[in-house]
N, C-alpha and C. Protein backbone atom coordinates (compact mmCIF):
# COMPACT_ATOMS: atom_id res chain seq x y z
N MET A 1 -50.73 -26.10 -18.08
CA MET A 1 -49.70 -27.05 -18.46
C MET A 1 -50.13 -28.45 -18.03
N SER A 2 -50.02 -29.39 -18.94
CA SER A 2 -50.39 -30.77 -18.67
C SER A 2 -49.21 -31.55 -18.10
N LEU A 3 -49.48 -32.34 -17.11
CA LEU A 3 -48.44 -33.21 -16.54
C LEU A 3 -48.30 -34.49 -17.34
N HIS A 4 -49.18 -34.72 -18.30
CA HIS A 4 -49.18 -35.97 -19.06
C HIS A 4 -48.64 -35.79 -20.47
N GLY A 5 -48.09 -34.63 -20.80
CA GLY A 5 -47.55 -34.39 -22.13
C GLY A 5 -46.22 -35.08 -22.33
N ASN A 6 -45.71 -35.01 -23.53
CA ASN A 6 -44.42 -35.59 -23.86
C ASN A 6 -43.34 -34.63 -23.41
N LEU A 7 -42.71 -34.92 -22.29
CA LEU A 7 -41.72 -34.02 -21.70
C LEU A 7 -40.40 -34.00 -22.47
N LEU A 8 -40.16 -35.01 -23.28
CA LEU A 8 -38.92 -35.07 -24.05
C LEU A 8 -39.03 -34.32 -25.37
N GLY A 9 -40.21 -33.89 -25.74
CA GLY A 9 -40.38 -33.13 -26.97
C GLY A 9 -40.38 -33.95 -28.24
N GLY A 10 -40.41 -35.25 -28.13
CA GLY A 10 -40.42 -36.10 -29.31
C GLY A 10 -41.82 -36.21 -29.89
N PRO A 11 -41.93 -36.92 -31.00
CA PRO A 11 -43.24 -37.08 -31.63
C PRO A 11 -44.16 -37.93 -30.76
N PRO A 12 -45.45 -37.72 -30.90
CA PRO A 12 -46.39 -38.56 -30.14
C PRO A 12 -46.37 -39.98 -30.68
N PRO A 13 -46.82 -40.94 -29.90
CA PRO A 13 -46.88 -42.32 -30.38
C PRO A 13 -47.80 -42.44 -31.60
N THR A 14 -47.42 -43.28 -32.52
CA THR A 14 -48.27 -43.59 -33.66
C THR A 14 -49.11 -44.80 -33.31
N LEU A 15 -50.40 -44.64 -33.45
CA LEU A 15 -51.36 -45.71 -33.12
C LEU A 15 -52.13 -46.06 -34.39
N LEU A 16 -51.81 -47.21 -34.94
CA LEU A 16 -52.49 -47.64 -36.16
C LEU A 16 -53.95 -47.95 -35.86
N PRO A 17 -54.83 -47.73 -36.84
CA PRO A 17 -56.24 -48.09 -36.64
C PRO A 17 -56.42 -49.60 -36.66
N ASP A 18 -57.46 -50.06 -36.03
CA ASP A 18 -57.77 -51.48 -36.05
C ASP A 18 -58.09 -51.90 -37.47
N ASP A 19 -57.68 -53.08 -37.83
CA ASP A 19 -57.97 -53.67 -39.13
C ASP A 19 -58.67 -55.00 -38.87
N PRO A 20 -59.98 -54.94 -38.62
CA PRO A 20 -60.67 -56.14 -38.12
C PRO A 20 -60.75 -57.29 -39.10
N GLY A 21 -60.74 -57.05 -40.40
CA GLY A 21 -60.88 -58.14 -41.36
C GLY A 21 -59.83 -59.23 -41.16
N PRO A 22 -58.55 -58.90 -41.33
CA PRO A 22 -57.54 -59.95 -41.15
C PRO A 22 -57.45 -60.45 -39.72
N ARG A 23 -57.61 -59.55 -38.75
CA ARG A 23 -57.52 -59.98 -37.35
C ARG A 23 -58.58 -61.02 -37.04
N LEU A 24 -59.83 -60.74 -37.41
CA LEU A 24 -60.92 -61.67 -37.12
C LEU A 24 -60.77 -62.97 -37.91
N ALA A 25 -60.31 -62.88 -39.15
CA ALA A 25 -60.10 -64.08 -39.95
C ALA A 25 -59.05 -64.99 -39.31
N LEU A 26 -57.94 -64.39 -38.88
CA LEU A 26 -56.88 -65.20 -38.25
C LEU A 26 -57.33 -65.76 -36.91
N GLU A 27 -58.04 -64.95 -36.13
CA GLU A 27 -58.57 -65.44 -34.85
C GLU A 27 -59.55 -66.58 -35.06
N GLY A 28 -60.25 -66.56 -36.18
CA GLY A 28 -61.22 -67.61 -36.50
C GLY A 28 -60.61 -68.85 -37.10
N GLY A 29 -59.29 -68.87 -37.25
CA GLY A 29 -58.61 -70.06 -37.75
C GLY A 29 -58.42 -70.10 -39.26
N ALA A 30 -58.61 -68.99 -39.94
CA ALA A 30 -58.41 -68.97 -41.39
C ALA A 30 -56.95 -69.26 -41.73
N ASP A 31 -56.74 -69.85 -42.89
CA ASP A 31 -55.40 -70.11 -43.38
C ASP A 31 -54.70 -68.76 -43.60
N PRO A 32 -53.53 -68.56 -42.99
CA PRO A 32 -52.83 -67.28 -43.16
C PRO A 32 -52.51 -66.93 -44.61
N ASN A 33 -52.28 -67.94 -45.46
CA ASN A 33 -52.05 -67.67 -46.88
C ASN A 33 -53.28 -67.03 -47.50
N ASP A 34 -54.45 -67.54 -47.16
CA ASP A 34 -55.69 -66.98 -47.68
C ASP A 34 -55.91 -65.56 -47.16
N VAL A 35 -55.56 -65.34 -45.90
CA VAL A 35 -55.72 -64.00 -45.32
C VAL A 35 -54.78 -63.01 -46.00
N ALA A 36 -53.54 -63.42 -46.26
CA ALA A 36 -52.60 -62.53 -46.94
C ALA A 36 -53.05 -62.24 -48.37
N ARG A 37 -53.63 -63.24 -49.03
CA ARG A 37 -54.16 -63.01 -50.39
C ARG A 37 -55.33 -62.03 -50.37
N ARG A 38 -56.19 -62.18 -49.37
CA ARG A 38 -57.38 -61.33 -49.29
C ARG A 38 -57.06 -59.93 -48.76
N TYR A 39 -56.10 -59.85 -47.84
CA TYR A 39 -55.73 -58.58 -47.21
C TYR A 39 -54.21 -58.37 -47.34
N PRO A 40 -53.69 -58.18 -48.55
CA PRO A 40 -52.24 -58.08 -48.72
C PRO A 40 -51.61 -56.86 -48.03
N GLN A 41 -52.41 -55.89 -47.64
CA GLN A 41 -51.89 -54.72 -46.94
C GLN A 41 -51.71 -54.97 -45.44
N SER A 42 -52.14 -56.12 -44.95
CA SER A 42 -52.13 -56.40 -43.52
C SER A 42 -50.79 -56.93 -43.03
N SER A 43 -50.11 -56.16 -42.22
CA SER A 43 -48.86 -56.64 -41.60
C SER A 43 -49.13 -57.84 -40.71
N LEU A 44 -50.30 -57.88 -40.09
CA LEU A 44 -50.62 -59.01 -39.22
C LEU A 44 -50.63 -60.32 -40.00
N ALA A 45 -51.20 -60.31 -41.20
CA ALA A 45 -51.22 -61.53 -42.02
C ALA A 45 -49.80 -61.96 -42.36
N TRP A 46 -48.95 -61.02 -42.75
CA TRP A 46 -47.57 -61.36 -43.11
C TRP A 46 -46.77 -61.79 -41.88
N ALA A 47 -47.03 -61.18 -40.73
CA ALA A 47 -46.35 -61.59 -39.50
C ALA A 47 -46.70 -63.03 -39.14
N THR A 48 -47.95 -63.38 -39.32
CA THR A 48 -48.39 -64.75 -39.03
C THR A 48 -47.67 -65.74 -39.95
N LEU A 49 -47.56 -65.39 -41.23
CA LEU A 49 -46.83 -66.25 -42.17
C LEU A 49 -45.35 -66.32 -41.81
N ALA A 50 -44.75 -65.19 -41.44
CA ALA A 50 -43.33 -65.17 -41.07
C ALA A 50 -43.07 -66.04 -39.86
N ASP A 51 -43.93 -65.95 -38.86
CA ASP A 51 -43.75 -66.76 -37.65
C ASP A 51 -43.94 -68.25 -37.93
N ALA A 52 -44.92 -68.58 -38.77
CA ALA A 52 -45.16 -69.99 -39.11
C ALA A 52 -43.96 -70.56 -39.88
N ALA A 53 -43.44 -69.79 -40.82
CA ALA A 53 -42.27 -70.25 -41.57
C ALA A 53 -41.08 -70.44 -40.63
N TRP A 54 -40.89 -69.49 -39.73
CA TRP A 54 -39.79 -69.60 -38.75
C TRP A 54 -39.95 -70.87 -37.92
N ASP A 55 -41.14 -71.10 -37.42
CA ASP A 55 -41.40 -72.27 -36.58
C ASP A 55 -41.13 -73.57 -37.33
N ASP A 56 -41.28 -73.55 -38.67
CA ASP A 56 -41.02 -74.73 -39.49
C ASP A 56 -39.57 -74.80 -39.97
N GLY A 57 -38.74 -73.85 -39.54
CA GLY A 57 -37.34 -73.85 -39.94
C GLY A 57 -37.08 -73.29 -41.33
N ARG A 58 -38.06 -72.61 -41.89
CA ARG A 58 -37.93 -72.00 -43.23
C ARG A 58 -37.51 -70.54 -43.07
N VAL A 59 -36.24 -70.35 -42.74
CA VAL A 59 -35.72 -69.03 -42.37
C VAL A 59 -35.82 -68.02 -43.51
N VAL A 60 -35.47 -68.43 -44.71
CA VAL A 60 -35.50 -67.49 -45.84
C VAL A 60 -36.94 -67.08 -46.14
N GLU A 61 -37.87 -68.02 -46.08
CA GLU A 61 -39.28 -67.67 -46.27
C GLU A 61 -39.76 -66.74 -45.17
N SER A 62 -39.35 -67.01 -43.94
CA SER A 62 -39.72 -66.13 -42.84
C SER A 62 -39.21 -64.72 -43.10
N TYR A 63 -37.97 -64.62 -43.55
CA TYR A 63 -37.39 -63.33 -43.88
C TYR A 63 -38.23 -62.61 -44.95
N ALA A 64 -38.59 -63.34 -45.98
CA ALA A 64 -39.34 -62.72 -47.09
C ALA A 64 -40.72 -62.26 -46.63
N TYR A 65 -41.43 -63.10 -45.89
CA TYR A 65 -42.75 -62.70 -45.38
C TYR A 65 -42.62 -61.49 -44.46
N ALA A 66 -41.62 -61.51 -43.59
CA ALA A 66 -41.42 -60.40 -42.66
C ALA A 66 -41.10 -59.11 -43.41
N ARG A 67 -40.32 -59.22 -44.47
CA ARG A 67 -39.94 -58.04 -45.25
C ARG A 67 -41.18 -57.41 -45.90
N VAL A 68 -42.07 -58.24 -46.45
CA VAL A 68 -43.29 -57.72 -47.06
C VAL A 68 -44.14 -57.02 -45.99
N GLY A 69 -44.36 -57.70 -44.86
CA GLY A 69 -45.18 -57.12 -43.80
C GLY A 69 -44.58 -55.85 -43.22
N TYR A 70 -43.27 -55.82 -43.13
CA TYR A 70 -42.57 -54.63 -42.64
C TYR A 70 -42.86 -53.44 -43.56
N HIS A 71 -42.74 -53.64 -44.86
CA HIS A 71 -42.98 -52.54 -45.79
C HIS A 71 -44.45 -52.13 -45.81
N ARG A 72 -45.36 -53.10 -45.71
CA ARG A 72 -46.79 -52.76 -45.62
C ARG A 72 -47.05 -51.95 -44.35
N GLY A 73 -46.36 -52.31 -43.26
CA GLY A 73 -46.50 -51.58 -42.01
C GLY A 73 -45.95 -50.17 -42.09
N LEU A 74 -44.81 -50.00 -42.76
CA LEU A 74 -44.27 -48.65 -42.94
C LEU A 74 -45.26 -47.78 -43.70
N ASP A 75 -45.87 -48.35 -44.72
CA ASP A 75 -46.89 -47.60 -45.47
C ASP A 75 -48.04 -47.17 -44.55
N ALA A 76 -48.51 -48.10 -43.73
CA ALA A 76 -49.61 -47.79 -42.81
C ALA A 76 -49.20 -46.74 -41.79
N LEU A 77 -47.99 -46.85 -41.25
CA LEU A 77 -47.52 -45.86 -40.29
C LEU A 77 -47.49 -44.47 -40.91
N ARG A 78 -46.95 -44.38 -42.11
CA ARG A 78 -46.87 -43.07 -42.78
C ARG A 78 -48.25 -42.49 -43.04
N ARG A 79 -49.19 -43.36 -43.44
CA ARG A 79 -50.57 -42.88 -43.67
C ARG A 79 -51.20 -42.36 -42.38
N ASN A 80 -50.66 -42.78 -41.24
CA ASN A 80 -51.23 -42.40 -39.95
C ASN A 80 -50.36 -41.41 -39.19
N GLY A 81 -49.54 -40.65 -39.93
CA GLY A 81 -48.83 -39.53 -39.34
C GLY A 81 -47.41 -39.77 -38.88
N TRP A 82 -46.92 -40.98 -38.97
CA TRP A 82 -45.55 -41.29 -38.55
C TRP A 82 -44.57 -40.62 -39.51
N LYS A 83 -43.54 -39.98 -38.97
CA LYS A 83 -42.59 -39.22 -39.78
C LYS A 83 -41.22 -39.88 -39.88
N GLY A 84 -41.16 -41.18 -39.68
CA GLY A 84 -39.89 -41.89 -39.81
C GLY A 84 -39.17 -42.15 -38.50
N HIS A 85 -39.74 -41.71 -37.41
CA HIS A 85 -39.17 -41.98 -36.09
C HIS A 85 -40.24 -41.75 -35.04
N GLY A 86 -39.96 -42.24 -33.87
CA GLY A 86 -40.88 -42.04 -32.76
C GLY A 86 -41.59 -43.32 -32.36
N PRO A 87 -42.28 -43.26 -31.25
CA PRO A 87 -42.88 -44.44 -30.66
C PRO A 87 -43.97 -45.09 -31.52
N VAL A 88 -43.92 -46.40 -31.54
CA VAL A 88 -44.96 -47.25 -32.12
C VAL A 88 -45.20 -48.33 -31.06
N PRO A 89 -46.00 -48.04 -30.05
CA PRO A 89 -46.06 -48.91 -28.87
C PRO A 89 -46.72 -50.27 -29.12
N TRP A 90 -46.09 -51.29 -28.55
CA TRP A 90 -46.62 -52.66 -28.58
C TRP A 90 -47.94 -52.72 -27.83
N SER A 91 -48.12 -51.90 -26.83
CA SER A 91 -49.33 -51.93 -26.01
C SER A 91 -50.59 -51.63 -26.82
N HIS A 92 -50.44 -51.00 -27.97
CA HIS A 92 -51.58 -50.72 -28.86
C HIS A 92 -51.71 -51.89 -29.83
N ASP A 93 -52.69 -52.75 -29.63
CA ASP A 93 -52.81 -54.01 -30.36
C ASP A 93 -52.68 -53.86 -31.88
N PRO A 94 -53.30 -52.88 -32.54
CA PRO A 94 -53.16 -52.78 -33.99
C PRO A 94 -51.73 -52.53 -34.48
N ASN A 95 -50.83 -52.09 -33.60
CA ASN A 95 -49.42 -51.91 -33.98
C ASN A 95 -48.66 -53.22 -34.04
N ARG A 96 -49.20 -54.27 -33.45
CA ARG A 96 -48.45 -55.50 -33.26
C ARG A 96 -48.12 -56.24 -34.55
N GLY A 97 -48.97 -56.15 -35.57
CA GLY A 97 -48.63 -56.80 -36.84
C GLY A 97 -47.33 -56.25 -37.40
N PHE A 98 -47.22 -54.92 -37.45
CA PHE A 98 -45.99 -54.29 -37.93
C PHE A 98 -44.81 -54.67 -37.03
N LEU A 99 -44.99 -54.55 -35.73
CA LEU A 99 -43.88 -54.84 -34.81
C LEU A 99 -43.46 -56.30 -34.88
N ARG A 100 -44.41 -57.21 -35.03
CA ARG A 100 -44.07 -58.63 -35.19
C ARG A 100 -43.25 -58.84 -36.46
N CYS A 101 -43.60 -58.14 -37.53
CA CYS A 101 -42.81 -58.25 -38.77
C CYS A 101 -41.40 -57.71 -38.56
N LEU A 102 -41.28 -56.60 -37.88
CA LEU A 102 -39.97 -56.01 -37.62
C LEU A 102 -39.12 -56.97 -36.78
N ILE A 103 -39.70 -57.56 -35.77
CA ILE A 103 -38.99 -58.53 -34.92
C ILE A 103 -38.60 -59.76 -35.74
N ALA A 104 -39.53 -60.25 -36.56
CA ALA A 104 -39.24 -61.43 -37.40
C ALA A 104 -38.15 -61.13 -38.41
N LEU A 105 -38.15 -59.92 -38.96
CA LEU A 105 -37.12 -59.53 -39.92
C LEU A 105 -35.76 -59.47 -39.23
N GLN A 106 -35.72 -58.91 -38.04
CA GLN A 106 -34.46 -58.85 -37.28
C GLN A 106 -33.94 -60.25 -36.98
N ARG A 107 -34.82 -61.12 -36.53
CA ARG A 107 -34.47 -62.50 -36.17
C ARG A 107 -33.92 -63.25 -37.39
N ALA A 108 -34.62 -63.16 -38.51
CA ALA A 108 -34.19 -63.89 -39.71
C ALA A 108 -32.90 -63.29 -40.29
N ALA A 109 -32.80 -61.96 -40.28
CA ALA A 109 -31.58 -61.32 -40.79
C ALA A 109 -30.37 -61.76 -39.97
N ALA A 110 -30.52 -61.83 -38.65
CA ALA A 110 -29.42 -62.28 -37.81
C ALA A 110 -29.06 -63.73 -38.13
N THR A 111 -30.05 -64.55 -38.39
CA THR A 111 -29.81 -65.97 -38.66
C THR A 111 -29.08 -66.18 -39.97
N ILE A 112 -29.35 -65.36 -40.97
CA ILE A 112 -28.66 -65.52 -42.26
C ILE A 112 -27.41 -64.63 -42.34
N ASP A 113 -26.99 -64.11 -41.19
CA ASP A 113 -25.77 -63.30 -41.07
C ASP A 113 -25.82 -62.00 -41.87
N GLU A 114 -27.01 -61.44 -41.99
CA GLU A 114 -27.14 -60.11 -42.57
C GLU A 114 -27.03 -59.12 -41.41
N VAL A 115 -25.81 -58.94 -40.96
CA VAL A 115 -25.51 -58.25 -39.71
C VAL A 115 -26.02 -56.81 -39.70
N ASP A 116 -25.78 -56.06 -40.77
CA ASP A 116 -26.21 -54.66 -40.79
C ASP A 116 -27.73 -54.54 -40.69
N GLU A 117 -28.43 -55.38 -41.43
CA GLU A 117 -29.90 -55.35 -41.39
C GLU A 117 -30.42 -55.75 -40.02
N ALA A 118 -29.82 -56.77 -39.43
CA ALA A 118 -30.24 -57.22 -38.11
C ALA A 118 -30.05 -56.10 -37.08
N GLN A 119 -28.94 -55.39 -37.15
CA GLN A 119 -28.68 -54.30 -36.20
C GLN A 119 -29.62 -53.13 -36.44
N ARG A 120 -29.86 -52.79 -37.71
CA ARG A 120 -30.78 -51.71 -38.03
C ARG A 120 -32.17 -52.02 -37.49
N CYS A 121 -32.61 -53.26 -37.67
CA CYS A 121 -33.92 -53.67 -37.15
C CYS A 121 -33.94 -53.63 -35.63
N ALA A 122 -32.88 -54.10 -35.00
CA ALA A 122 -32.81 -54.09 -33.53
C ALA A 122 -32.91 -52.66 -33.01
N ASP A 123 -32.22 -51.74 -33.65
CA ASP A 123 -32.29 -50.33 -33.25
C ASP A 123 -33.69 -49.77 -33.47
N PHE A 124 -34.31 -50.13 -34.58
CA PHE A 124 -35.65 -49.66 -34.90
C PHE A 124 -36.66 -50.18 -33.89
N ILE A 125 -36.49 -51.43 -33.48
CA ILE A 125 -37.39 -52.02 -32.47
C ILE A 125 -37.35 -51.18 -31.20
N ILE A 126 -36.16 -50.83 -30.76
CA ILE A 126 -36.00 -50.03 -29.54
C ILE A 126 -36.58 -48.64 -29.73
N ASP A 127 -36.42 -48.05 -30.92
CA ASP A 127 -36.99 -46.72 -31.19
C ASP A 127 -38.52 -46.79 -31.14
N CYS A 128 -39.08 -47.88 -31.64
CA CYS A 128 -40.54 -48.02 -31.64
C CYS A 128 -41.08 -48.20 -30.22
N ASP A 129 -40.44 -49.10 -29.49
CA ASP A 129 -40.92 -49.40 -28.13
C ASP A 129 -39.75 -49.93 -27.32
N PRO A 130 -39.14 -49.11 -26.47
CA PRO A 130 -37.98 -49.54 -25.70
C PRO A 130 -38.22 -50.79 -24.87
N GLY A 131 -39.45 -51.08 -24.51
CA GLY A 131 -39.76 -52.27 -23.74
C GLY A 131 -39.57 -53.57 -24.52
N LEU A 132 -39.44 -53.47 -25.83
CA LEU A 132 -39.25 -54.68 -26.65
C LEU A 132 -37.79 -55.09 -26.74
N GLY A 133 -36.88 -54.24 -26.30
CA GLY A 133 -35.44 -54.52 -26.44
C GLY A 133 -34.87 -55.39 -25.40
């Protein structure tokens, strides 16, 4: 018997694979719009756009970018064994693009008074990683 197993019986954490193309492009200072065009499946690219729009006060654009990245992230999670619930830890760097989109979506939804969506996202954030709540 392992002392390091999941004692609660829930699903194991989902750990997305590294996606070096968009990550390295963004780290190198590439325009996030160009990165999203080149790597439209990358939640990290969409999260970067959502955060930039938010910082510029463009809440609706931030919402839209976050929504795209969120859905791209759900696709990636499912491809990697996620069954609709369970941990998606922030501590695993490749998960952060999706989680940043989820956080940005929650933030923007709350700002435009989309209360149900904001609460659903807030609950999902906690389900993914309780330390983010």
